[in-house]
Amino acid sequence: MSLQSDIESIVKSVGLELYDTVVVSENDETIFRVSVISNEMKDGKRKGVSLDECVELTHLISPLLDVTPPVSGEYRFEVGSPGIERKMTTIDHFKKSVGENVSLLLLDKEKIKAKLLKVEGKTLYLQKDDATIEVDFNDVNKAKTYFEW
Protein backbone atom coordinates (compact mmCIF):
# COMPACT_ATOMS: atom_id res chain seq x y z
CA MET A 1 0.00 0.00 0.00
CA SER A 2 1.07 3.57 -0.60
CA LEU A 3 1.53 6.25 2.03
CA GLN A 4 -1.56 8.03 0.65
CA SER A 5 -3.76 4.94 1.00
CA ASP A 6 -2.38 4.22 4.50
CA ILE A 7 -3.22 7.77 5.57
CA GLU A 8 -6.66 7.46 3.98
CA SER A 9 -7.33 4.26 5.99
CA ILE A 10 -6.35 5.99 9.24
CA VAL A 11 -8.56 8.99 8.45
CA LYS A 12 -11.53 6.73 7.67
CA SER A 13 -10.99 4.84 10.94
CA VAL A 14 -11.91 7.99 12.90
CA GLY A 15 -14.99 8.72 10.78
CA LEU A 16 -13.50 11.44 8.59
CA GLU A 17 -12.61 11.63 4.91
CA LEU A 18 -9.24 12.48 3.37
CA TYR A 19 -9.52 15.59 1.18
CA ASP A 20 -5.89 16.02 0.18
CA THR A 21 -2.23 15.59 1.09
CA VAL A 22 0.28 18.12 -0.12
CA VAL A 23 3.89 19.13 0.42
CA VAL A 24 4.42 22.89 0.47
CA SER A 25 7.29 25.26 1.21
CA GLU A 26 6.55 28.26 3.38
CA ASN A 27 9.22 30.56 4.87
CA ASP A 28 12.06 28.17 3.96
CA GLU A 29 10.23 25.35 5.74
CA THR A 30 8.86 22.15 4.19
CA ILE A 31 5.38 21.24 5.38
CA PHE A 32 3.51 17.96 4.82
CA ARG A 33 -0.14 18.92 5.11
CA VAL A 34 -3.03 16.47 5.46
CA SER A 35 -6.50 17.98 4.90
CA VAL A 36 -9.60 16.15 6.11
CA ILE A 37 -13.34 16.75 5.91
CA SER A 38 -16.29 15.36 7.83
CA ASN A 39 -18.52 12.62 6.42
CA GLU A 40 -21.48 14.03 8.33
CA MET A 41 -23.95 16.46 6.83
CA LYS A 42 -25.92 18.99 8.89
CA ASP A 43 -28.66 21.17 7.37
CA GLY A 44 -27.54 20.15 3.87
CA LYS A 45 -23.93 21.16 4.50
CA ARG A 46 -20.86 19.21 5.50
CA LYS A 47 -20.13 19.38 9.22
CA GLY A 48 -16.86 20.97 10.33
CA VAL A 49 -13.81 19.12 11.63
CA SER A 50 -12.91 19.81 15.26
CA LEU A 51 -9.48 20.63 16.63
CA ASP A 52 -9.68 17.48 18.79
CA GLU A 53 -10.20 15.35 15.68
CA CYS A 54 -7.15 16.95 14.02
CA VAL A 55 -5.04 16.33 17.14
CA GLU A 56 -6.18 12.69 17.28
CA LEU A 57 -5.27 12.20 13.61
CA THR A 58 -1.87 13.82 14.16
CA HIS A 59 -1.13 11.25 16.88
CA LEU A 60 -2.35 8.37 14.70
CA ILE A 61 -0.52 9.37 11.50
CA SER A 62 2.80 10.50 13.05
CA PRO A 63 4.14 6.97 13.73
CA LEU A 64 3.43 6.04 10.10
CA LEU A 65 5.48 9.03 8.91
CA ASP A 66 8.37 7.95 11.16
CA VAL A 67 8.52 4.70 9.17
CA THR A 68 7.58 6.14 5.74
CA PRO A 69 8.56 9.83 5.55
CA PRO A 70 6.60 11.82 2.93
CA VAL A 71 9.71 13.82 1.94
CA SER A 72 13.43 13.55 2.43
CA GLY A 73 14.98 15.84 5.01
CA GLU A 74 13.28 17.82 7.73
CA TYR A 75 9.62 18.77 7.49
CA ARG A 76 6.72 19.88 9.65
CA PHE A 77 3.53 17.80 9.75
CA GLU A 78 0.09 19.43 9.90
CA VAL A 79 -3.44 18.02 9.99
CA GLY A 80 -6.36 20.33 9.38
CA SER A 81 -9.48 21.15 7.45
CA PRO A 82 -9.09 22.50 3.91
CA GLY A 83 -11.41 25.33 4.94
CA ILE A 84 -14.75 26.63 3.78
CA GLU A 85 -13.16 28.14 0.65
CA ARG A 86 -10.72 25.63 -0.81
CA LYS A 87 -9.01 24.83 -4.08
CA MET A 88 -10.34 21.95 -6.12
CA THR A 89 -7.76 20.29 -8.37
CA THR A 90 -9.05 16.74 -8.83
CA ILE A 91 -12.35 15.20 -9.92
CA ASP A 92 -12.50 13.69 -6.43
CA HIS A 93 -12.41 17.20 -4.91
CA PHE A 94 -15.46 18.06 -7.02
CA LYS A 95 -17.28 14.91 -5.90
CA LYS A 96 -16.61 15.84 -2.28
CA SER A 97 -17.97 19.37 -2.89
CA VAL A 98 -21.39 18.53 -4.37
CA GLY A 99 -24.01 20.92 -3.00
CA GLU A 100 -21.53 23.76 -2.51
CA ASN A 101 -20.98 26.99 -4.39
CA VAL A 102 -18.03 26.85 -6.76
CA SER A 103 -16.08 29.38 -8.76
CA LEU A 104 -14.53 28.13 -12.00
CA LEU A 105 -12.09 29.64 -14.44
CA LEU A 106 -12.25 27.71 -17.69
CA LEU A 107 -9.44 27.28 -20.19
CA ASP A 108 -11.20 29.72 -22.56
CA LYS A 109 -11.06 32.33 -19.71
CA GLU A 110 -14.82 32.11 -19.03
CA LYS A 111 -15.66 32.54 -15.34
CA ILE A 112 -18.56 30.67 -13.76
CA LYS A 113 -19.97 30.98 -10.25
CA ALA A 114 -22.66 28.41 -9.55
CA LYS A 115 -23.83 25.62 -7.27
CA LEU A 116 -22.31 22.19 -7.95
CA LEU A 117 -25.25 19.79 -8.36
CA LYS A 118 -23.48 16.54 -9.23
CA VAL A 119 -20.51 14.93 -10.93
CA GLU A 120 -20.94 12.10 -13.42
CA GLY A 121 -17.76 10.75 -14.95
CA LYS A 122 -15.81 13.85 -15.97
CA THR A 123 -18.91 16.05 -16.35
CA LEU A 124 -19.73 18.70 -13.74
CA TYR A 125 -23.38 19.73 -13.45
CA LEU A 126 -23.85 23.26 -12.14
CA GLN A 127 -26.89 25.35 -11.31
CA LYS A 128 -26.62 29.01 -12.27
CA ASP A 129 -29.78 31.04 -11.81
CA ASP A 130 -32.52 28.72 -13.14
CA ALA A 131 -30.34 26.90 -15.68
CA THR A 132 -28.28 23.73 -15.40
CA ILE A 133 -24.84 24.03 -16.98
CA GLU A 134 -22.62 21.10 -17.96
CA VAL A 135 -18.85 21.60 -17.85
CA ASP A 136 -16.21 19.05 -18.76
CA PHE A 137 -13.65 18.67 -15.96
CA ASN A 138 -10.84 18.88 -18.55
CA ASP A 139 -12.02 22.39 -19.51
CA VAL A 140 -11.43 23.72 -15.97
CA ASN A 141 -8.27 25.76 -15.48
CA LYS A 142 -8.84 26.73 -11.80
CA ALA A 143 -11.59 25.97 -9.34
CA LYS A 144 -12.46 26.62 -5.73
CA THR A 145 -15.42 26.53 -3.43
CA TYR A 146 -16.70 29.85 -2.15
CA PHE A 147 -18.95 30.97 0.65
CA GLU A 148 -21.50 33.76 0.36
CA TRP A 149 -21.39 35.76 3.58
C-alpha atoms as a PDB file:
ATOM      1  CA  MET A   1       0.000   0.000   0.000  1.00  0.00           C
ATOM      2  CA  SER A   2       1.073   3.566  -0.602  1.00  0.00           C
ATOM      3  CA  LEU A   3       1.532   6.246   2.028  1.00  0.00           C
ATOM      4  CA  GLN A   4      -1.555   8.026   0.654  1.00  0.00           C
ATOM      5  CA  SER A   5      -3.764   4.945   1.005  1.00  0.00           C
ATOM      6  CA  ASP A   6      -2.376   4.216   4.499  1.00  0.00           C
ATOM      7  CA  ILE A   7      -3.221   7.772   5.574  1.00  0.00           C
ATOM      8  CA  GLU A   8      -6.657   7.458   3.976  1.00  0.00           C
ATOM      9  CA  SER A   9      -7.327   4.263   5.993  1.00  0.00           C
ATOM     10  CA  ILE A  10      -6.346   5.988   9.241  1.00  0.00           C
ATOM     11  CA  VAL A  11      -8.555   8.994   8.447  1.00  0.00           C
ATOM     12  CA  LYS A  12     -11.532   6.734   7.666  1.00  0.00           C
ATOM     13  CA  SER A  13     -10.989   4.841  10.937  1.00  0.00           C
ATOM     14  CA  VAL A  14     -11.906   7.989  12.896  1.00  0.00           C
ATOM     15  CA  GLY A  15     -14.988   8.723  10.780  1.00  0.00           C
ATOM     16  CA  LEU A  16     -13.498  11.438   8.588  1.00  0.00           C
ATOM     17  CA  GLU A  17     -12.608  11.633   4.913  1.00  0.00           C
ATOM     18  CA  LEU A  18      -9.235  12.484   3.371  1.00  0.00           C
ATOM     19  CA  TYR A  19      -9.516  15.587   1.182  1.00  0.00           C
ATOM     20  CA  ASP A  20      -5.888  16.025   0.176  1.00  0.00           C
ATOM     21  CA  THR A  21      -2.234  15.585   1.086  1.00  0.00           C
ATOM     22  CA  VAL A  22       0.276  18.124  -0.123  1.00  0.00           C
ATOM     23  CA  VAL A  23       3.891  19.127   0.418  1.00  0.00           C
ATOM     24  CA  VAL A  24       4.417  22.892   0.465  1.00  0.00           C
ATOM     25  CA  SER A  25       7.290  25.259   1.205  1.00  0.00           C
ATOM     26  CA  GLU A  26       6.554  28.259   3.384  1.00  0.00           C
ATOM     27  CA  ASN A  27       9.217  30.562   4.868  1.00  0.00           C
ATOM     28  CA  ASP A  28      12.059  28.167   3.960  1.00  0.00           C
ATOM     29  CA  GLU A  29      10.235  25.346   5.742  1.00  0.00           C
ATOM     30  CA  THR A  30       8.858  22.152   4.188  1.00  0.00           C
ATOM     31  CA  ILE A  31       5.376  21.239   5.378  1.00  0.00           C
ATOM     32  CA  PHE A  32       3.514  17.964   4.818  1.00  0.00           C
ATOM     33  CA  ARG A  33      -0.144  18.920   5.115  1.00  0.00           C
ATOM     34  CA  VAL A  34      -3.033  16.465   5.458  1.00  0.00           C
ATOM     35  CA  SER A  35      -6.497  17.975   4.905  1.00  0.00           C
ATOM     36  CA  VAL A  36      -9.599  16.155   6.108  1.00  0.00           C
ATOM     37  CA  ILE A  37     -13.336  16.747   5.913  1.00  0.00           C
ATOM     38  CA  SER A  38     -16.289  15.359   7.826  1.00  0.00           C
ATOM     39  CA  ASN A  39     -18.516  12.623   6.420  1.00  0.00           C
ATOM     40  CA  GLU A  40     -21.478  14.025   8.334  1.00  0.00           C
ATOM     41  CA  MET A  41     -23.948  16.462   6.832  1.00  0.00           C
ATOM     42  CA  LYS A  42     -25.922  18.990   8.887  1.00  0.00           C
ATOM     43  CA  ASP A  43     -28.662  21.166   7.374  1.00  0.00           C
ATOM     44  CA  GLY A  44     -27.542  20.155   3.870  1.00  0.00           C
ATOM     45  CA  LYS A  45     -23.933  21.156   4.504  1.00  0.00           C
ATOM     46  CA  ARG A  46     -20.862  19.206   5.499  1.00  0.00           C
ATOM     47  CA  LYS A  47     -20.132  19.378   9.223  1.00  0.00           C
ATOM     48  CA  GLY A  48     -16.857  20.973  10.328  1.00  0.00           C
ATOM     49  CA  VAL A  49     -13.814  19.123  11.633  1.00  0.00           C
ATOM     50  CA  SER A  50     -12.908  19.807  15.264  1.00  0.00           C
ATOM     51  CA  LEU A  51      -9.475  20.628  16.633  1.00  0.00           C
ATOM     52  CA  ASP A  52      -9.675  17.481  18.789  1.00  0.00           C
ATOM     53  CA  GLU A  53     -10.204  15.352  15.678  1.00  0.00           C
ATOM     54  CA  CYS A  54      -7.155  16.948  14.024  1.00  0.00           C
ATOM     55  CA  VAL A  55      -5.040  16.333  17.136  1.00  0.00           C
ATOM     56  CA  GLU A  56      -6.180  12.694  17.278  1.00  0.00           C
ATOM     57  CA  LEU A  57      -5.269  12.199  13.610  1.00  0.00           C
ATOM     58  CA  THR A  58      -1.873  13.819  14.157  1.00  0.00           C
ATOM     59  CA  HIS A  59      -1.127  11.250  16.881  1.00  0.00           C
ATOM     60  CA  LEU A  60      -2.349   8.367  14.704  1.00  0.00           C
ATOM     61  CA  ILE A  61      -0.522   9.371  11.496  1.00  0.00           C
ATOM     62  CA  SER A  62       2.804  10.502  13.050  1.00  0.00           C
ATOM     63  CA  PRO A  63       4.143   6.969  13.726  1.00  0.00           C
ATOM     64  CA  LEU A  64       3.431   6.039  10.104  1.00  0.00           C
ATOM     65  CA  LEU A  65       5.484   9.025   8.906  1.00  0.00           C
ATOM     66  CA  ASP A  66       8.369   7.953  11.159  1.00  0.00           C
ATOM     67  CA  VAL A  67       8.518   4.702   9.167  1.00  0.00           C
ATOM     68  CA  THR A  68       7.582   6.140   5.740  1.00  0.00           C
ATOM     69  CA  PRO A  69       8.564   9.827   5.552  1.00  0.00           C
ATOM     70  CA  PRO A  70       6.605  11.822   2.930  1.00  0.00           C
ATOM     71  CA  VAL A  71       9.708  13.824   1.942  1.00  0.00           C
ATOM     72  CA  SER A  72      13.431  13.554   2.429  1.00  0.00           C
ATOM     73  CA  GLY A  73      14.983  15.838   5.012  1.00  0.00           C
ATOM     74  CA  GLU A  74      13.277  17.824   7.725  1.00  0.00           C
ATOM     75  CA  TYR A  75       9.620  18.771   7.494  1.00  0.00           C
ATOM     76  CA  ARG A  76       6.717  19.880   9.649  1.00  0.00           C
ATOM     77  CA  PHE A  77       3.528  17.796   9.752  1.00  0.00           C
ATOM     78  CA  GLU A  78       0.088  19.431   9.903  1.00  0.00           C
ATOM     79  CA  VAL A  79      -3.436  18.018   9.989  1.00  0.00           C
ATOM     80  CA  GLY A  80      -6.360  20.333   9.385  1.00  0.00           C
ATOM     81  CA  SER A  81      -9.481  21.150   7.451  1.00  0.00           C
ATOM     82  CA  PRO A  82      -9.086  22.500   3.909  1.00  0.00           C
ATOM     83  CA  GLY A  83     -11.412  25.332   4.942  1.00  0.00           C
ATOM     84  CA  ILE A  84     -14.749  26.633   3.778  1.00  0.00           C
ATOM     85  CA  GLU A  85     -13.158  28.140   0.648  1.00  0.00           C
ATOM     86  CA  ARG A  86     -10.718  25.634  -0.813  1.00  0.00           C
ATOM     87  CA  LYS A  87      -9.007  24.833  -4.084  1.00  0.00           C
ATOM     88  CA  MET A  88     -10.336  21.949  -6.124  1.00  0.00           C
ATOM     89  CA  THR A  89      -7.761  20.293  -8.369  1.00  0.00           C
ATOM     90  CA  THR A  90      -9.054  16.735  -8.831  1.00  0.00           C
ATOM     91  CA  ILE A  91     -12.349  15.203  -9.919  1.00  0.00           C
ATOM     92  CA  ASP A  92     -12.502  13.687  -6.433  1.00  0.00           C
ATOM     93  CA  HIS A  93     -12.409  17.202  -4.906  1.00  0.00           C
ATOM     94  CA  PHE A  94     -15.462  18.062  -7.018  1.00  0.00           C
ATOM     95  CA  LYS A  95     -17.280  14.908  -5.895  1.00  0.00           C
ATOM     96  CA  LYS A  96     -16.614  15.843  -2.277  1.00  0.00           C
ATOM     97  CA  SER A  97     -17.974  19.365  -2.887  1.00  0.00           C
ATOM     98  CA  VAL A  98     -21.387  18.534  -4.370  1.00  0.00           C
ATOM     99  CA  GLY A  99     -24.007  20.919  -3.003  1.00  0.00           C
ATOM    100  CA  GLU A 100     -21.526  23.757  -2.505  1.00  0.00           C
ATOM    101  CA  ASN A 101     -20.976  26.995  -4.387  1.00  0.00           C
ATOM    102  CA  VAL A 102     -18.034  26.847  -6.764  1.00  0.00           C
ATOM    103  CA  SER A 103     -16.076  29.383  -8.759  1.00  0.00           C
ATOM    104  CA  LEU A 104     -14.529  28.130 -11.997  1.00  0.00           C
ATOM    105  CA  LEU A 105     -12.094  29.645 -14.444  1.00  0.00           C
ATOM    106  CA  LEU A 106     -12.252  27.707 -17.695  1.00  0.00           C
ATOM    107  CA  LEU A 107      -9.438  27.278 -20.193  1.00  0.00           C
ATOM    108  CA  ASP A 108     -11.202  29.718 -22.556  1.00  0.00           C
ATOM    109  CA  LYS A 109     -11.057  32.330 -19.713  1.00  0.00           C
ATOM    110  CA  GLU A 110     -14.818  32.110 -19.029  1.00  0.00           C
ATOM    111  CA  LYS A 111     -15.662  32.542 -15.338  1.00  0.00           C
ATOM    112  CA  ILE A 112     -18.564  30.670 -13.764  1.00  0.00           C
ATOM    113  CA  LYS A 113     -19.970  30.982 -10.251  1.00  0.00           C
ATOM    114  CA  ALA A 114     -22.659  28.408  -9.549  1.00  0.00           C
ATOM    115  CA  LYS A 115     -23.831  25.622  -7.268  1.00  0.00           C
ATOM    116  CA  LEU A 116     -22.311  22.194  -7.953  1.00  0.00           C
ATOM    117  CA  LEU A 117     -25.246  19.794  -8.361  1.00  0.00           C
ATOM    118  CA  LYS A 118     -23.484  16.541  -9.234  1.00  0.00           C
ATOM    119  CA  VAL A 119     -20.506  14.934 -10.926  1.00  0.00           C
ATOM    120  CA  GLU A 120     -20.938  12.104 -13.420  1.00  0.00           C
ATOM    121  CA  GLY A 121     -17.764  10.747 -14.955  1.00  0.00           C
ATOM    122  CA  LYS A 122     -15.811  13.847 -15.972  1.00  0.00           C
ATOM    123  CA  THR A 123     -18.908  16.048 -16.345  1.00  0.00           C
ATOM    124  CA  LEU A 124     -19.727  18.705 -13.740  1.00  0.00           C
ATOM    125  CA  TYR A 125     -23.383  19.730 -13.445  1.00  0.00           C
ATOM    126  CA  LEU A 126     -23.849  23.262 -12.136  1.00  0.00           C
ATOM    127  CA  GLN A 127     -26.892  25.347 -11.311  1.00  0.00           C
ATOM    128  CA  LYS A 128     -26.621  29.010 -12.274  1.00  0.00           C
ATOM    129  CA  ASP A 129     -29.776  31.040 -11.812  1.00  0.00           C
ATOM    130  CA  ASP A 130     -32.521  28.724 -13.138  1.00  0.00           C
ATOM    131  CA  ALA A 131     -30.342  26.901 -15.677  1.00  0.00           C
ATOM    132  CA  THR A 132     -28.282  23.732 -15.403  1.00  0.00           C
ATOM    133  CA  ILE A 133     -24.838  24.026 -16.978  1.00  0.00           C
ATOM    134  CA  GLU A 134     -22.617  21.098 -17.955  1.00  0.00           C
ATOM    135  CA  VAL A 135     -18.852  21.595 -17.846  1.00  0.00           C
ATOM    136  CA  ASP A 136     -16.214  19.045 -18.761  1.00  0.00           C
ATOM    137  CA  PHE A 137     -13.648  18.669 -15.962  1.00  0.00           C
ATOM    138  CA  ASN A 138     -10.843  18.881 -18.548  1.00  0.00           C
ATOM    139  CA  ASP A 139     -12.019  22.393 -19.511  1.00  0.00           C
ATOM    140  CA  VAL A 140     -11.435  23.721 -15.970  1.00  0.00           C
ATOM    141  CA  ASN A 141      -8.270  25.759 -15.476  1.00  0.00           C
ATOM    142  CA  LYS A 142      -8.839  26.734 -11.805  1.00  0.00           C
ATOM    143  CA  ALA A 143     -11.586  25.971  -9.342  1.00  0.00           C
ATOM    144  CA  LYS A 144     -12.459  26.625  -5.727  1.00  0.00           C
ATOM    145  CA  THR A 145     -15.422  26.526  -3.426  1.00  0.00           C
ATOM    146  CA  TYR A 146     -16.703  29.849  -2.155  1.00  0.00           C
ATOM    147  CA  PHE A 147     -18.945  30.971   0.652  1.00  0.00           C
ATOM    148  CA  GLU A 148     -21.501  33.758   0.355  1.00  0.00           C
ATOM    149  CA  TRP A 149     -21.389  35.755   3.581  1.00  0.00           C
END
